[in-house]
């Protein structure tokens, strides 16, 4: 039995933020990517058993800055992101373009 009251996530996004390519939708997508980056960094930090202060000290920044990144309240420079991942978390950054 099919429930016709269900809306796909894509349809929901299109209704709420417009189609891809519109300024409102692109702004939403950029914000979502920033959120995902912050959540990923937080998860990696916790997997390493580190506090924000410990991560900040390892990579030469402040606890406040790490917190702002993890909570999606700060833009982050690519060089800073690479340093956090390399020096703070012992990883390597890989980027892709779609």
PDB file of N, CA and C in Angstrom:
ATOM      1  N   UNK A   1       0.840  -1.179   0.000  1.00  0.00           N
ATOM      2  CA  UNK A   1       0.000   0.000   0.000  1.00  0.00           C
ATOM      3  C   UNK A   1       0.884   1.241   0.000  1.00  0.00           C
ATOM      4  N   UNK A   2       0.652   2.150  -0.927  1.00  0.00           N
ATOM      5  CA  UNK A   2       1.469   3.343  -1.092  1.00  0.00           C
ATOM      6  C   UNK A   2       0.853   4.511  -0.326  1.00  0.00           C
ATOM      7  N   UNK A   3       1.704   5.227   0.415  1.00  0.00           N
ATOM      8  CA  UNK A   3       1.257   6.407   1.148  1.00  0.00           C
ATOM      9  C   UNK A   3       1.557   7.640   0.313  1.00  0.00           C
ATOM     10  N   UNK A   4       0.533   8.277  -0.219  1.00  0.00           N
ATOM     11  CA  UNK A   4       0.705   9.436  -1.087  1.00  0.00           C
ATOM     12  C   UNK A   4       0.997  10.717  -0.316  1.00  0.00           C
ATOM     13  N   UNK A   5       1.019  10.664   1.018  1.00  0.00           N
ATOM     14  CA  UNK A   5       1.296  11.843   1.820  1.00  0.00           C
ATOM     15  C   UNK A   5       2.785  12.048   2.059  1.00  0.00           C
ATOM     16  N   UNK A   6       3.625  11.110   1.635  1.00  0.00           N
ATOM     17  CA  UNK A   6       5.062  11.226   1.843  1.00  0.00           C
ATOM     18  C   UNK A   6       5.684  12.118   0.777  1.00  0.00           C
ATOM     19  N   UNK A   7       6.646  12.914   1.202  1.00  0.00           N
ATOM     20  CA  UNK A   7       7.384  13.786   0.294  1.00  0.00           C
ATOM     21  C   UNK A   7       8.848  13.384   0.343  1.00  0.00           C
ATOM     22  N   UNK A   8       9.494  13.273  -0.807  1.00  0.00           N
ATOM     23  CA  UNK A   8      10.919  12.936  -0.803  1.00  0.00           C
ATOM     24  C   UNK A   8      11.698  14.119  -0.256  1.00  0.00           C
ATOM     25  N   UNK A   9      12.906  13.838   0.228  1.00  0.00           N
ATOM     26  CA  UNK A   9      13.746  14.897   0.774  1.00  0.00           C
ATOM     27  C   UNK A   9      14.087  15.923  -0.305  1.00  0.00           C
ATOM     28  N   UNK A  10      14.338  15.458  -1.517  1.00  0.00           N
ATOM     29  CA  UNK A  10      14.642  16.370  -2.630  1.00  0.00           C
ATOM     30  C   UNK A  10      13.456  17.280  -2.915  1.00  0.00           C
ATOM     31  N   UNK A  11      12.261  16.717  -2.935  1.00  0.00           N
ATOM     32  CA  UNK A  11      11.066  17.538  -3.158  1.00  0.00           C
ATOM     33  C   UNK A  11      10.881  18.550  -2.034  1.00  0.00           C
ATOM     34  N   UNK A  12      11.149  18.119  -0.801  1.00  0.00           N
ATOM     35  CA  UNK A  12      11.047  19.025   0.341  1.00  0.00           C
ATOM     36  C   UNK A  12      12.026  20.190   0.180  1.00  0.00           C
ATOM     37  N   UNK A  13      13.276  19.878  -0.157  1.00  0.00           N
ATOM     38  CA  UNK A  13      14.269  20.941  -0.348  1.00  0.00           C
ATOM     39  C   UNK A  13      13.859  21.885  -1.467  1.00  0.00           C
ATOM     40  N   UNK A  14      13.354  21.325  -2.547  1.00  0.00           N
ATOM     41  CA  UNK A  14      12.909  22.165  -3.665  1.00  0.00           C
ATOM     42  C   UNK A  14      11.781  23.102  -3.242  1.00  0.00           C
ATOM     43  N   UNK A  15      10.865  22.601  -2.427  1.00  0.00           N
ATOM     44  CA  UNK A  15       9.749  23.426  -1.962  1.00  0.00           C
ATOM     45  C   UNK A  15      10.205  24.502  -0.979  1.00  0.00           C
ATOM     46  N   UNK A  16      11.102  24.115  -0.057  1.00  0.00           N
ATOM     47  CA  UNK A  16      11.538  25.041   0.996  1.00  0.00           C
ATOM     48  C   UNK A  16      12.576  26.051   0.517  1.00  0.00           C
ATOM     49  N   UNK A  17      13.519  25.596  -0.340  1.00  0.00           N
ATOM     50  CA  UNK A  17      14.669  26.434  -0.702  1.00  0.00           C
ATOM     51  C   UNK A  17      14.791  26.705  -2.194  1.00  0.00           C
ATOM     52  N   UNK A  18      13.914  26.143  -2.987  1.00  0.00           N
ATOM     53  CA  UNK A  18      13.975  26.338  -4.430  1.00  0.00           C
ATOM     54  C   UNK A  18      14.833  25.269  -5.096  1.00  0.00           C
ATOM     55  N   UNK A  19      14.816  25.285  -6.391  1.00  0.00           N
ATOM     56  CA  UNK A  19      15.583  24.322  -7.180  1.00  0.00           C
ATOM     57  C   UNK A  19      17.071  24.615  -7.059  1.00  0.00           C
ATOM     58  N   UNK A  20      17.893  23.592  -7.307  1.00  0.00           N
ATOM     59  CA  UNK A  20      19.343  23.807  -7.344  1.00  0.00           C
ATOM     60  C   UNK A  20      19.658  24.866  -8.392  1.00  0.00           C
ATOM     61  N   UNK A  21      20.587  25.741  -8.044  1.00  0.00           N
ATOM     62  CA  UNK A  21      20.959  26.819  -8.946  1.00  0.00           C
ATOM     63  C   UNK A  21      20.367  28.153  -8.541  1.00  0.00           C
ATOM     64  N   UNK A  22      19.290  28.124  -7.751  1.00  0.00           N
ATOM     65  CA  UNK A  22      18.733  29.385  -7.259  1.00  0.00           C
ATOM     66  C   UNK A  22      19.574  29.866  -6.085  1.00  0.00           C
ATOM     67  N   UNK A  23      19.589  31.166  -5.853  1.00  0.00           N
ATOM     68  CA  UNK A  23      20.445  31.716  -4.800  1.00  0.00           C
ATOM     69  C   UNK A  23      20.061  31.183  -3.421  1.00  0.00           C
ATOM     70  N   UNK A  24      18.776  31.037  -3.150  1.00  0.00           N
ATOM     71  CA  UNK A  24      18.339  30.543  -1.843  1.00  0.00           C
ATOM     72  C   UNK A  24      18.803  29.109  -1.626  1.00  0.00           C
ATOM     73  N   UNK A  25      18.670  28.284  -2.640  1.00  0.00           N
ATOM     74  CA  UNK A  25      19.083  26.877  -2.525  1.00  0.00           C
ATOM     75  C   UNK A  25      20.591  26.761  -2.390  1.00  0.00           C
ATOM     76  N   UNK A  26      21.328  27.538  -3.151  1.00  0.00           N
ATOM     77  CA  UNK A  26      22.781  27.482  -3.081  1.00  0.00           C
ATOM     78  C   UNK A  26      23.278  27.938  -1.710  1.00  0.00           C
ATOM     79  N   UNK A  27      22.634  28.934  -1.138  1.00  0.00           N
ATOM     80  CA  UNK A  27      22.984  29.391   0.205  1.00  0.00           C
ATOM     81  C   UNK A  27      22.736  28.283   1.224  1.00  0.00           C
ATOM     82  N   UNK A  28      21.604  27.587   1.080  1.00  0.00           N
ATOM     83  CA  UNK A  28      21.313  26.457   1.957  1.00  0.00           C
ATOM     84  C   UNK A  28      22.368  25.367   1.811  1.00  0.00           C
ATOM     85  N   UNK A  29      22.709  25.013   0.579  1.00  0.00           N
ATOM     86  CA  UNK A  29      23.676  23.943   0.324  1.00  0.00           C
ATOM     87  C   UNK A  29      25.038  24.292   0.910  1.00  0.00           C
ATOM     88  N   UNK A  30      25.476  25.541   0.774  1.00  0.00           N
ATOM     89  CA  UNK A  30      26.756  25.968   1.334  1.00  0.00           C
ATOM     90  C   UNK A  30      26.737  25.859   2.857  1.00  0.00           C
ATOM     91  N   UNK A  31      25.646  26.281   3.466  1.00  0.00           N
ATOM     92  CA  UNK A  31      25.520  26.182   4.908  1.00  0.00           C
ATOM     93  C   UNK A  31      25.537  24.745   5.385  1.00  0.00           C
ATOM     94  N   UNK A  32      24.902  23.869   4.618  1.00  0.00           N
ATOM     95  CA  UNK A  32      24.871  22.457   4.977  1.00  0.00           C
ATOM     96  C   UNK A  32      26.260  21.841   4.876  1.00  0.00           C
ATOM     97  N   UNK A  33      27.029  22.223   3.863  1.00  0.00           N
ATOM     98  CA  UNK A  33      28.396  21.715   3.729  1.00  0.00           C
ATOM     99  C   UNK A  33      29.257  22.178   4.904  1.00  0.00           C
ATOM    100  N   UNK A  34      29.087  23.426   5.332  1.00  0.00           N
ATOM    101  CA  UNK A  34      29.826  23.939   6.486  1.00  0.00           C
ATOM    102  C   UNK A  34      29.438  23.162   7.742  1.00  0.00           C
ATOM    103  N   UNK A  35      28.165  22.873   7.893  1.00  0.00           N
ATOM    104  CA  UNK A  35      27.696  22.078   9.033  1.00  0.00           C
ATOM    105  C   UNK A  35      28.342  20.696   9.025  1.00  0.00           C
ATOM    106  N   UNK A  36      28.359  20.049   7.854  1.00  0.00           N
ATOM    107  CA  UNK A  36      28.941  18.709   7.750  1.00  0.00           C
ATOM    108  C   UNK A  36      30.427  18.733   8.100  1.00  0.00           C
ATOM    109  N   UNK A  37      31.135  19.764   7.655  1.00  0.00           N
ATOM    110  CA  UNK A  37      32.556  19.884   7.960  1.00  0.00           C
ATOM    111  C   UNK A  37      32.771  19.998   9.464  1.00  0.00           C
ATOM    112  N   UNK A  38      31.994  20.846  10.117  1.00  0.00           N
ATOM    113  CA  UNK A  38      32.102  21.003  11.568  1.00  0.00           C
ATOM    114  C   UNK A  38      31.805  19.710  12.305  1.00  0.00           C
ATOM    115  N   UNK A  39      30.762  19.008  11.877  1.00  0.00           N
ATOM    116  CA  UNK A  39      30.389  17.740  12.512  1.00  0.00           C
ATOM    117  C   UNK A  39      31.474  16.692  12.296  1.00  0.00           C
ATOM    118  N   UNK A  40      32.070  16.672  11.110  1.00  0.00           N
ATOM    119  CA  UNK A  40      33.130  15.718  10.814  1.00  0.00           C
ATOM    120  C   UNK A  40      34.347  15.983  11.702  1.00  0.00           C
ATOM    121  N   UNK A  41      34.743  17.247  11.823  1.00  0.00           N
ATOM    122  CA  UNK A  41      35.888  17.579  12.669  1.00  0.00           C
ATOM    123  C   UNK A  41      35.624  17.207  14.125  1.00  0.00           C
ATOM    124  N   UNK A  42      34.426  17.492  14.597  1.00  0.00           N
ATOM    125  CA  UNK A  42      34.075  17.144  15.975  1.00  0.00           C
ATOM    126  C   UNK A  42      34.150  15.627  16.191  1.00  0.00           C
ATOM    127  N   UNK A  43      33.620  14.873  15.256  1.00  0.00           N
ATOM    128  CA  UNK A  43      33.640  13.421  15.368  1.00  0.00           C
ATOM    129  C   UNK A  43      35.071  12.886  15.361  1.00  0.00           C
ATOM    130  N   UNK A  44      35.911  13.396  14.473  1.00  0.00           N
ATOM    131  CA  UNK A  44      37.305  12.957  14.415  1.00  0.00           C
ATOM    132  C   UNK A  44      38.040  13.297  15.705  1.00  0.00           C
ATOM    133  N   UNK A  45      37.796  14.494  16.226  1.00  0.00           N
ATOM    134  CA  UNK A  45      38.430  14.915  17.480  1.00  0.00           C
ATOM    135  C   UNK A  45      38.038  13.976  18.616  1.00  0.00           C
ATOM    136  N   UNK A  46      36.757  13.673  18.711  1.00  0.00           N
ATOM    137  CA  UNK A  46      36.274  12.797  19.781  1.00  0.00           C
ATOM    138  C   UNK A  46      36.807  11.372  19.624  1.00  0.00           C
ATOM    139  N   UNK A  47      36.924  10.886  18.381  1.00  0.00           N
ATOM    140  CA  UNK A  47      37.499   9.561  18.140  1.00  0.00           C
ATOM    141  C   UNK A  47      38.931   9.485  18.649  1.00  0.00           C
ATOM    142  N   UNK A  48      39.645  10.605  18.559  1.00  0.00           N
ATOM    143  CA  UNK A  48      41.029  10.674  19.044  1.00  0.00           C
ATOM    144  C   UNK A  48      41.082  10.891  20.555  1.00  0.00           C
ATOM    145  N   UNK A  49      39.925  11.078  21.191  1.00  0.00           N
ATOM    146  CA  UNK A  49      39.867  11.286  22.627  1.00  0.00           C
ATOM    147  C   UNK A  49      40.418  12.637  23.061  1.00  0.00           C
ATOM    148  N   UNK A  50      40.262  13.628  22.195  1.00  0.00           N
ATOM    149  CA  UNK A  50      40.824  14.947  22.464  1.00  0.00           C
ATOM    150  C   UNK A  50      39.731  15.949  22.812  1.00  0.00           C
ATOM    151  N   UNK A  51      40.097  16.906  23.662  1.00  0.00           N
ATOM    152  CA  UNK A  51      39.209  18.035  23.919  1.00  0.00           C
ATOM    153  C   UNK A  51      39.469  19.086  22.842  1.00  0.00           C
ATOM    154  N   UNK A  52      38.590  20.065  22.773  1.00  0.00           N
ATOM    155  CA  UNK A  52      38.810  21.167  21.835  1.00  0.00           C
ATOM    156  C   UNK A  52      40.106  21.897  22.172  1.00  0.00           C
ATOM    157  N   UNK A  53      40.378  22.073  23.454  1.00  0.00           N
ATOM    158  CA  UNK A  53      41.602  22.767  23.882  1.00  0.00           C
ATOM    159  C   UNK A  53      42.848  21.988  23.456  1.00  0.00           C
ATOM    160  N   UNK A  54      42.820  20.674  23.592  1.00  0.00           N
ATOM    161  CA  UNK A  54      43.963  19.853  23.192  1.00  0.00           C
ATOM    162  C   UNK A  54      44.198  19.929  21.689  1.00  0.00           C
ATOM    163  N   UNK A  55      43.123  19.857  20.914  1.00  0.00           N
ATOM    164  CA  UNK A  55      43.247  19.967  19.459  1.00  0.00           C
ATOM    165  C   UNK A  55      43.799  21.330  19.083  1.00  0.00           C
ATOM    166  N   UNK A  56      43.275  22.372  19.689  1.00  0.00           N
ATOM    167  CA  UNK A  56      43.724  23.736  19.394  1.00  0.00           C
ATOM    168  C   UNK A  56      45.212  23.890  19.681  1.00  0.00           C
ATOM    169  N   UNK A  57      45.661  23.357  20.796  1.00  0.00           N
ATOM    170  CA  UNK A  57      47.078  23.470  21.156  1.00  0.00           C
ATOM    171  C   UNK A  57      47.967  22.737  20.157  1.00  0.00           C
ATOM    172  N   UNK A  58      47.525  21.559  19.725  1.00  0.00           N
ATOM    173  CA  UNK A  58      48.318  20.762  18.777  1.00  0.00           C
ATOM    174  C   UNK A  58      48.487  21.453  17.433  1.00  0.00           C
ATOM    175  N   UNK A  59      47.483  22.210  17.010  1.00  0.00           N
ATOM    176  CA  UNK A  59      47.555  22.806  15.671  1.00  0.00           C
ATOM    177  C   UNK A  59      47.723  24.323  15.694  1.00  0.00           C
ATOM    178  N   UNK A  60      47.963  24.893  16.864  1.00  0.00           N
ATOM    179  CA  UNK A  60      48.310  26.312  16.946  1.00  0.00           C
ATOM    180  C   UNK A  60      47.158  27.274  16.762  1.00  0.00           C
ATOM    181  N   UNK A  61      46.002  26.921  17.276  1.00  0.00           N
ATOM    182  CA  UNK A  61      44.863  27.836  17.233  1.00  0.00           C
ATOM    183  C   UNK A  61      44.243  27.873  18.631  1.00  0.00           C
ATOM    184  N   UNK A  62      43.042  28.398  18.734  1.00  0.00           N
ATOM    185  CA  UNK A  62      42.415  28.506  20.054  1.00  0.00           C
ATOM    186  C   UNK A  62      41.227  27.562  20.178  1.00  0.00           C
ATOM    187  N   UNK A  63      40.878  27.238  21.419  1.00  0.00           N
ATOM    188  CA  UNK A  63      39.711  26.411  21.692  1.00  0.00           C
ATOM    189  C   UNK A  63      38.457  27.073  21.133  1.00  0.00           C
ATOM    190  N   UNK A  64      38.382  28.401  21.282  1.00  0.00           N
ATOM    191  CA  UNK A  64      37.222  29.143  20.780  1.00  0.00           C
ATOM    192  C   UNK A  64      37.065  28.960  19.273  1.00  0.00           C
ATOM    193  N   UNK A  65      38.183  29.000  18.546  1.00  0.00           N
ATOM    194  CA  UNK A  65      38.129  28.837  17.092  1.00  0.00           C
ATOM    195  C   UNK A  65      37.666  27.427  16.718  1.00  0.00           C
ATOM    196  N   UNK A  66      38.195  26.412  17.402  1.00  0.00           N
ATOM    197  CA  UNK A  66      37.769  25.030  17.147  1.00  0.00           C
ATOM    198  C   UNK A  66      36.270  24.900  17.425  1.00  0.00           C
ATOM    199  N   UNK A  67      35.816  25.474  18.519  1.00  0.00           N
ATOM    200  CA  UNK A  67      34.395  25.425  18.867  1.00  0.00           C
ATOM    201  C   UNK A  67      33.547  26.097  17.799  1.00  0.00           C
ATOM    202  N   UNK A  68      33.988  27.239  17.317  1.00  0.00           N
ATOM    203  CA  UNK A  68      33.214  27.947  16.284  1.00  0.00           C
ATOM    204  C   UNK A  68      33.126  27.130  15.003  1.00  0.00           C
ATOM    205  N   UNK A  69      34.202  26.441  14.645  1.00  0.00           N
ATOM    206  CA  UNK A  69      34.173  25.593  13.443  1.00  0.00           C
ATOM    207  C   UNK A  69      33.204  24.434  13.655  1.00  0.00           C
ATOM    208  N   UNK A  70      33.318  23.764  14.796  1.00  0.00           N
ATOM    209  CA  UNK A  70      32.469  22.610  15.067  1.00  0.00           C
ATOM    210  C   UNK A  70      30.994  22.986  15.158  1.00  0.00           C
ATOM    211  N   UNK A  71      30.715  24.207  15.554  1.00  0.00           N
ATOM    212  CA  UNK A  71      29.331  24.652  15.697  1.00  0.00           C
ATOM    213  C   UNK A  71      28.860  25.506  14.529  1.00  0.00           C
ATOM    214  N   UNK A  72      29.616  25.465  13.418  1.00  0.00           N
ATOM    215  CA  UNK A  72      29.205  26.111  12.170  1.00  0.00           C
ATOM    216  C   UNK A  72      29.034  27.621  12.303  1.00  0.00           C
ATOM    217  N   UNK A  73      29.865  28.251  13.125  1.00  0.00           N
ATOM    218  CA  UNK A  73      29.736  29.685  13.294  1.00  0.00           C
ATOM    219  C   UNK A  73      30.941  30.428  12.726  1.00  0.00           C
ATOM    220  N   UNK A  74      31.773  29.740  11.977  1.00  0.00           N
ATOM    221  CA  UNK A  74      32.983  30.384  11.492  1.00  0.00           C
ATOM    222  C   UNK A  74      33.343  29.865  10.109  1.00  0.00           C
ATOM    223  N   UNK A  75      33.727  30.775   9.231  1.00  0.00           N
ATOM    224  CA  UNK A  75      34.340  30.352   7.981  1.00  0.00           C
ATOM    225  C   UNK A  75      35.736  29.879   8.320  1.00  0.00           C
ATOM    226  N   UNK A  76      36.244  28.972   7.549  1.00  0.00           N
ATOM    227  CA  UNK A  76      37.569  28.433   7.826  1.00  0.00           C
ATOM    228  C   UNK A  76      38.407  28.495   6.561  1.00  0.00           C
ATOM    229  N   UNK A  77      39.629  28.950   6.707  1.00  0.00           N
ATOM    230  CA  UNK A  77      40.555  28.989   5.579  1.00  0.00           C
ATOM    231  C   UNK A  77      41.034  27.578   5.290  1.00  0.00           C
ATOM    232  N   UNK A  78      41.272  27.300   4.021  1.00  0.00           N
ATOM    233  CA  UNK A  78      41.728  25.977   3.620  1.00  0.00           C
ATOM    234  C   UNK A  78      43.044  25.629   4.310  1.00  0.00           C
ATOM    235  N   UNK A  79      43.967  26.575   4.395  1.00  0.00           N
ATOM    236  CA  UNK A  79      45.250  26.305   5.043  1.00  0.00           C
ATOM    237  C   UNK A  79      45.059  25.949   6.519  1.00  0.00           C
ATOM    238  N   UNK A  80      44.119  26.591   7.184  1.00  0.00           N
ATOM    239  CA  UNK A  80      43.842  26.294   8.591  1.00  0.00           C
ATOM    240  C   UNK A  80      43.215  24.918   8.716  1.00  0.00           C
ATOM    241  N   UNK A  81      42.274  24.601   7.849  1.00  0.00           N
ATOM    242  CA  UNK A  81      41.640  23.286   7.860  1.00  0.00           C
ATOM    243  C   UNK A  81      42.684  22.193   7.657  1.00  0.00           C
ATOM    244  N   UNK A  82      43.575  22.406   6.714  1.00  0.00           N
ATOM    245  CA  UNK A  82      44.620  21.413   6.447  1.00  0.00           C
ATOM    246  C   UNK A  82      45.520  21.242   7.668  1.00  0.00           C
ATOM    247  N   UNK A  83      45.854  22.334   8.337  1.00  0.00           N
ATOM    248  CA  UNK A  83      46.713  22.267   9.519  1.00  0.00           C
ATOM    249  C   UNK A  83      46.006  21.523  10.658  1.00  0.00           C
ATOM    250  N   UNK A  84      44.718  21.799  10.858  1.00  0.00           N
ATOM    251  CA  UNK A  84      43.959  21.112  11.907  1.00  0.00           C
ATOM    252  C   UNK A  84      43.939  19.616  11.651  1.00  0.00           C
ATOM    253  N   UNK A  85      43.692  19.234  10.413  1.00  0.00           N
ATOM    254  CA  UNK A  85      43.608  17.813  10.078  1.00  0.00           C
ATOM    255  C   UNK A  85      44.979  17.155  10.143  1.00  0.00           C
ATOM    256  N   UNK A  86      45.995  17.817   9.588  1.00  0.00           N
ATOM    257  CA  UNK A  86      47.337  17.227   9.545  1.00  0.00           C
ATOM    258  C   UNK A  86      48.000  17.215  10.919  1.00  0.00           C
ATOM    259  N   UNK A  87      48.123  18.388  11.530  1.00  0.00           N
ATOM    260  CA  UNK A  87      48.871  18.491  12.786  1.00  0.00           C
ATOM    261  C   UNK A  87      48.035  18.102  14.003  1.00  0.00           C
ATOM    262  N   UNK A  88      46.764  18.469  13.975  1.00  0.00           N
ATOM    263  CA  UNK A  88      45.920  18.210  15.137  1.00  0.00           C
ATOM    264  C   UNK A  88      45.360  16.805  15.182  1.00  0.00           C
ATOM    265  N   UNK A  89      44.962  16.291  14.008  1.00  0.00           N
ATOM    266  CA  UNK A  89      44.283  14.994  13.981  1.00  0.00           C
ATOM    267  C   UNK A  89      45.103  13.901  13.315  1.00  0.00           C
ATOM    268  N   UNK A  90      46.260  14.255  12.743  1.00  0.00           N
ATOM    269  CA  UNK A  90      47.125  13.250  12.105  1.00  0.00           C
ATOM    270  C   UNK A  90      46.556  12.665  10.840  1.00  0.00           C
ATOM    271  N   UNK A  91      45.776  13.433  10.111  1.00  0.00           N
ATOM    272  CA  UNK A  91      45.157  12.939   8.877  1.00  0.00           C
ATOM    273  C   UNK A  91      45.582  13.739   7.661  1.00  0.00           C
ATOM    274  N   UNK A  92      44.978  13.429   6.530  1.00  0.00           N
ATOM    275  CA  UNK A  92      45.234  14.113   5.275  1.00  0.00           C
ATOM    276  C   UNK A  92      43.899  14.512   4.674  1.00  0.00           C
ATOM    277  N   UNK A  93      43.838  15.716   4.142  1.00  0.00           N
ATOM    278  CA  UNK A  93      42.615  16.237   3.545  1.00  0.00           C
ATOM    279  C   UNK A  93      42.538  15.871   2.077  1.00  0.00           C
ATOM    280  N   UNK A  94      41.401  15.338   1.650  1.00  0.00           N
ATOM    281  CA  UNK A  94      41.129  15.059   0.246  1.00  0.00           C
ATOM    282  C   UNK A  94      39.890  15.841  -0.147  1.00  0.00           C
ATOM    283  N   UNK A  95      39.942  16.525  -1.272  1.00  0.00           N
ATOM    284  CA  UNK A  95      38.812  17.304  -1.752  1.00  0.00           C
ATOM    285  C   UNK A  95      38.302  16.715  -3.053  1.00  0.00           C
ATOM    286  N   UNK A  96      37.017  16.909  -3.317  1.00  0.00           N
ATOM    287  CA  UNK A  96      36.460  16.525  -4.615  1.00  0.00           C
ATOM    288  C   UNK A  96      35.507  17.606  -5.074  1.00  0.00           C
ATOM    289  N   UNK A  97      35.372  17.701  -6.361  1.00  0.00           N
ATOM    290  CA  UNK A  97      34.466  18.667  -6.968  1.00  0.00           C
ATOM    291  C   UNK A  97      33.440  17.905  -7.786  1.00  0.00           C
ATOM    292  N   UNK A  98      32.176  18.241  -7.586  1.00  0.00           N
ATOM    293  CA  UNK A  98      31.110  17.555  -8.334  1.00  0.00           C
ATOM    294  C   UNK A  98      30.540  18.475  -9.364  1.00  0.00           C
TER     295      UNK A  98
END
